[in-house]
C-alpha atoms as a PDB file:
ATOM      1  CA  MET A   1     -11.998  33.566  -0.834  1.00  0.00           C
ATOM      2  CA  LYS A   2     -10.015  32.723  -4.513  1.00  0.00           C
ATOM      3  CA  LYS A   3      -7.215  31.570  -3.117  1.00  0.00           C
ATOM      4  CA  PHE A   4      -8.770  29.346  -1.028  1.00  0.00           C
ATOM      5  CA  LEU A   5     -10.827  27.599  -3.968  1.00  0.00           C
ATOM      6  CA  GLY A   6      -8.031  27.754  -5.567  1.00  0.00           C
ATOM      7  CA  GLU A   7      -6.051  25.487  -3.365  1.00  0.00           C
ATOM      8  CA  PHE A   8      -9.455  23.079  -2.764  1.00  0.00           C
ATOM      9  CA  LYS A   9      -9.313  22.842  -6.153  1.00  0.00           C
ATOM     10  CA  ASP A  10      -5.861  21.826  -6.396  1.00  0.00           C
ATOM     11  CA  PHE A  11      -6.535  19.211  -3.540  1.00  0.00           C
ATOM     12  CA  ILE A  12      -9.469  17.334  -4.937  1.00  0.00           C
ATOM     13  CA  SER A  13      -7.802  17.011  -8.469  1.00  0.00           C
ATOM     14  CA  ARG A  14      -4.629  15.534  -7.136  1.00  0.00           C
ATOM     15  CA  GLY A  15      -4.350  11.880  -8.137  1.00  0.00           C
ATOM     16  CA  ASN A  16      -4.046  10.372  -4.206  1.00  0.00           C
ATOM     17  CA  VAL A  17      -7.212  11.992  -2.973  1.00  0.00           C
ATOM     18  CA  MET A  18      -9.359  10.748  -6.104  1.00  0.00           C
ATOM     19  CA  ASP A  19      -7.498   6.889  -5.081  1.00  0.00           C
ATOM     20  CA  MET A  20      -8.793   7.361  -2.021  1.00  0.00           C
ATOM     21  CA  ALA A  21     -12.268   8.264  -2.758  1.00  0.00           C
ATOM     22  CA  VAL A  22     -11.973   4.511  -5.227  1.00  0.00           C
ATOM     23  CA  GLY A  23     -10.884   3.096  -2.229  1.00  0.00           C
ATOM     24  CA  ILE A  24     -13.592   4.151  -0.046  1.00  0.00           C
ATOM     25  CA  ILE A  25     -16.053   2.972  -2.698  1.00  0.00           C
ATOM     26  CA  ILE A  26     -14.381  -0.567  -3.301  1.00  0.00           C
ATOM     27  CA  GLY A  27     -13.993  -1.203   0.687  1.00  0.00           C
ATOM     28  CA  GLY A  28     -17.895  -0.464   1.111  1.00  0.00           C
ATOM     29  CA  ALA A  29     -18.613  -2.851  -1.802  1.00  0.00           C
ATOM     30  CA  PHE A  30     -16.034  -5.450  -0.610  1.00  0.00           C
ATOM     31  CA  THR A  31     -17.247  -4.846   3.265  1.00  0.00           C
ATOM     32  CA  SER A  32     -20.790  -6.752   1.880  1.00  0.00           C
ATOM     33  CA  ILE A  33     -19.421  -9.796   0.466  1.00  0.00           C
ATOM     34  CA  VAL A  34     -17.031 -10.440   4.063  1.00  0.00           C
ATOM     35  CA  ASN A  35     -20.324  -9.773   5.504  1.00  0.00           C
ATOM     36  CA  SER A  36     -21.552 -12.733   3.779  1.00  0.00           C
ATOM     37  CA  LEU A  37     -18.337 -14.882   3.998  1.00  0.00           C
ATOM     38  CA  VAL A  38     -18.975 -14.598   8.348  1.00  0.00           C
ATOM     39  CA  ASN A  39     -22.295 -14.703   8.407  1.00  0.00           C
ATOM     40  CA  ASP A  40     -23.222 -17.544   5.424  1.00  0.00           C
ATOM     41  CA  ILE A  41     -20.072 -19.951   5.939  1.00  0.00           C
ATOM     42  CA  ILE A  42     -18.045 -19.072   9.279  1.00  0.00           C
ATOM     43  CA  ASN A  43     -20.724 -18.783  11.611  1.00  0.00           C
ATOM     44  CA  PRO A  44     -22.695 -21.630  11.210  1.00  0.00           C
ATOM     45  CA  LEU A  45     -19.132 -23.703  10.944  1.00  0.00           C
ATOM     46  CA  LEU A  46     -18.217 -21.998  14.686  1.00  0.00           C
ATOM     47  CA  GLY A  47     -22.272 -22.939  15.408  1.00  0.00           C
ATOM     48  CA  MET A  48     -21.143 -26.235  14.785  1.00  0.00           C
ATOM     49  CA  ILE A  49     -19.143 -26.399  17.719  1.00  0.00           C
ATOM     50  CA  GLY A  50     -21.036 -24.343  19.818  1.00  0.00           C
ATOM     51  CA  GLY A  51     -24.951 -26.082  18.663  1.00  0.00           C
ATOM     52  CA  THR A  52     -25.881 -22.362  17.455  1.00  0.00           C
ATOM     53  CA  ASP A  53     -25.760 -19.404  15.007  1.00  0.00           C
ATOM     54  CA  LEU A  54     -23.377 -16.642  16.884  1.00  0.00           C
ATOM     55  CA  THR A  55     -25.861 -14.130  15.923  1.00  0.00           C
ATOM     56  CA  GLY A  56     -28.160 -15.598  18.204  1.00  0.00           C
ATOM     57  CA  TYR A  57     -26.184 -15.453  21.079  1.00  0.00           C
ATOM     58  CA  VAL A  58     -28.065 -12.471  23.119  1.00  0.00           C
ATOM     59  CA  LEU A  59     -28.275 -12.228  27.265  1.00  0.00           C
ATOM     60  CA  VAL A  60     -31.636 -10.704  27.954  1.00  0.00           C
ATOM     61  CA  LEU A  61     -31.269  -7.796  30.575  1.00  0.00           C
ATOM     62  CA  ASN A  62     -35.413  -7.115  30.490  1.00  0.00           C
ATOM     63  CA  ASP A  63     -38.138  -7.897  29.039  1.00  0.00           C
ATOM     64  CA  GLU A  64     -37.228  -4.993  26.327  1.00  0.00           C
ATOM     65  CA  ALA A  65     -33.316  -4.962  26.308  1.00  0.00           C
ATOM     66  CA  THR A  66     -30.879  -7.610  24.832  1.00  0.00           C
ATOM     67  CA  LEU A  67     -27.267  -7.598  25.106  1.00  0.00           C
ATOM     68  CA  ASN A  68     -26.574  -9.609  21.187  1.00  0.00           C
ATOM     69  CA  TYR A  69     -23.083 -10.131  22.171  1.00  0.00           C
ATOM     70  CA  GLY A  70     -23.022 -12.864  19.933  1.00  0.00           C
ATOM     71  CA  SER A  71     -23.711  -9.424  17.025  1.00  0.00           C
ATOM     72  CA  PHE A  72     -20.411  -8.225  18.055  1.00  0.00           C
ATOM     73  CA  ILE A  73     -18.281 -11.041  18.067  1.00  0.00           C
ATOM     74  CA  THR A  74     -19.808 -12.154  14.651  1.00  0.00           C
ATOM     75  CA  ALA A  75     -18.424  -7.595  13.804  1.00  0.00           C
ATOM     76  CA  ILE A  76     -14.895  -8.708  15.946  1.00  0.00           C
ATOM     77  CA  ILE A  77     -14.797 -11.432  12.907  1.00  0.00           C
ATOM     78  CA  ASN A  78     -15.776  -9.337  10.314  1.00  0.00           C
ATOM     79  CA  PHE A  79     -12.958  -6.512  11.696  1.00  0.00           C
ATOM     80  CA  LEU A  80     -10.077  -9.212  11.556  1.00  0.00           C
ATOM     81  CA  ILE A  81     -11.066 -10.570   8.462  1.00  0.00           C
ATOM     82  CA  MET A  82     -10.831  -7.251   6.840  1.00  0.00           C
ATOM     83  CA  ALA A  83      -7.932  -6.410   8.944  1.00  0.00           C
ATOM     84  CA  PHE A  84      -5.617  -9.251   7.378  1.00  0.00           C
ATOM     85  CA  ILE A  85      -6.936  -8.732   4.066  1.00  0.00           C
ATOM     86  CA  VAL A  86      -5.599  -5.281   3.871  1.00  0.00           C
ATOM     87  CA  PHE A  87      -2.242  -6.511   5.579  1.00  0.00           C
ATOM     88  CA  LEU A  88      -2.151  -8.892   2.534  1.00  0.00           C
ATOM     89  CA  LEU A  89      -3.161  -6.320   0.190  1.00  0.00           C
ATOM     90  CA  ILE A  90      -0.515  -3.569   1.252  1.00  0.00           C
ATOM     91  CA  LYS A  91       2.533  -6.400   1.578  1.00  0.00           C
ATOM     92  CA  THR A  92       1.853  -7.188  -1.514  1.00  0.00           C
ATOM     93  CA  ILE A  93       2.029  -3.792  -2.947  1.00  0.00           C
ATOM     94  CA  ASN A  94       4.948  -3.340  -0.714  1.00  0.00           C
ATOM     95  CA  SER A  95       6.578  -5.896  -2.381  1.00  0.00           C
ATOM     96  CA  MET A  96       5.637  -5.506  -5.881  1.00  0.00           C
ATOM     97  CA  SER A  97       6.905  -1.431  -5.261  1.00  0.00           C
ATOM     98  CA  LYS A  98      10.355  -2.753  -3.772  1.00  0.00           C
ATOM     99  CA  ALA A  99      10.954  -4.753  -6.724  1.00  0.00           C
ATOM    100  CA  LEU A 100       9.702  -2.136  -9.153  1.00  0.00           C
ATOM    101  CA  SER A 101      12.486  -0.088  -7.568  1.00  0.00           C
ATOM    102  CA  ARG A 102      15.310  -2.478  -7.717  1.00  0.00           C
ATOM    103  CA  LYS A 103      14.181  -3.417 -11.923  1.00  0.00           C
ATOM    104  CA  LYS A 104      14.908   0.810 -12.133  1.00  0.00           C
ATOM    105  CA  LYS A 105      17.790   0.978 -10.348  1.00  0.00           C
ATOM    106  CA  GLU A 106      19.582  -1.843 -12.199  1.00  0.00           C
ATOM    107  CA  GLU A 107      18.488  -0.158 -15.299  1.00  0.00           C
ATOM    108  CA  ALA A 108      19.748   2.812 -14.576  1.00  0.00           C
ATOM    109  CA  PRO A 109      22.499   3.549 -16.472  1.00  0.00           C
ATOM    110  CA  ALA A 110      26.182   3.370 -14.581  1.00  0.00           C
ATOM    111  CA  ALA A 111      28.259   6.217 -13.808  1.00  0.00           C
ATOM    112  CA  PRO A 112      30.982   7.295 -15.643  1.00  0.00           C
ATOM    113  CA  THR A 113      34.105   5.851 -14.390  1.00  0.00           C
ATOM    114  CA  THR A 114      36.258   7.623 -17.123  1.00  0.00           C
ATOM    115  CA  LYS A 115      36.597  10.546 -19.207  1.00  0.00           C
ATOM    116  CA  VAL A 116      38.673  11.608 -22.467  1.00  0.00           C
ATOM    117  CA  CYS A 117      41.552  13.825 -22.651  1.00  0.00           C
ATOM    118  CA  PRO A 118      40.748  16.802 -24.787  1.00  0.00           C
ATOM    119  CA  PHE A 119      44.380  17.203 -25.852  1.00  0.00           C
ATOM    120  CA  CYS A 120      45.589  13.474 -26.919  1.00  0.00           C
ATOM    121  CA  LYS A 121      41.643  11.831 -26.461  1.00  0.00           C
ATOM    122  CA  SER A 122      42.993   9.013 -25.021  1.00  0.00           C
ATOM    123  CA  GLU A 123      40.767   7.518 -22.220  1.00  0.00           C
ATOM    124  CA  ILE A 124      41.379   8.083 -18.238  1.00  0.00           C
ATOM    125  CA  ASN A 125      40.341   7.718 -15.160  1.00  0.00           C
ATOM    126  CA  ILE A 126      37.805  10.260 -14.120  1.00  0.00           C
ATOM    127  CA  GLU A 127      39.196  11.345 -10.882  1.00  0.00           C
ATOM    128  CA  ALA A 128      42.842  12.379 -12.850  1.00  0.00           C
ATOM    129  CA  THR A 129      43.767  15.601 -12.941  1.00  0.00           C
ATOM    130  CA  ARG A 130      46.918  14.511 -15.646  1.00  0.00           C
ATOM    131  CA  CYS A 131      46.874  12.939 -18.523  1.00  0.00           C
ATOM    132  CA  PRO A 132      49.286   9.955 -17.957  1.00  0.00           C
ATOM    133  CA  HIS A 133      49.700   9.512 -21.842  1.00  0.00           C
ATOM    134  CA  CYS A 134      50.455  13.223 -23.140  1.00  0.00           C
ATOM    135  CA  THR A 135      51.043  14.823 -19.333  1.00  0.00           C
ATOM    136  CA  SER A 136      48.758  17.632 -20.442  1.00  0.00           C
ATOM    137  CA  GLU A 137      47.106  19.292 -17.039  1.00  0.00           C
ATOM    138  CA  LEU A 138      43.463  18.622 -16.905  1.00  0.00           C
ATOM    139  CA  LYS A 139      41.580  21.493 -15.634  1.00  0.00           C
ATOM    140  CA  GLU A 140      38.388  20.076 -13.223  1.00  0.00           C
END
């Protein structure tokens, strides 16, 4: 049981779990912004084309039951807007991480191409097995 609780503690204390929790909270708050965008701006603009607001489109099945397909269309629009915004965020994050990794590669020192002969202290090719200046045999 202690091992299980220890593993759970390690899992929870990892940074990516906390990042995910923050993302979910911000995503929930962002949903209300997207809902407002769809309900207050996009639906009225689309309603001008159809003559009414999308949420007003209903199909009456009987006296008590209605099929609210306008609300369903609104939910689809909400989803598409959210998916597009998440796509743009991920694309931006990926391009930024690629740029940072390129910058780190440029900053990394290049592998040495020469070495110093231990006998005559001349600079020679790193792959040399014999010094061209003093002809000493070099050990790998």
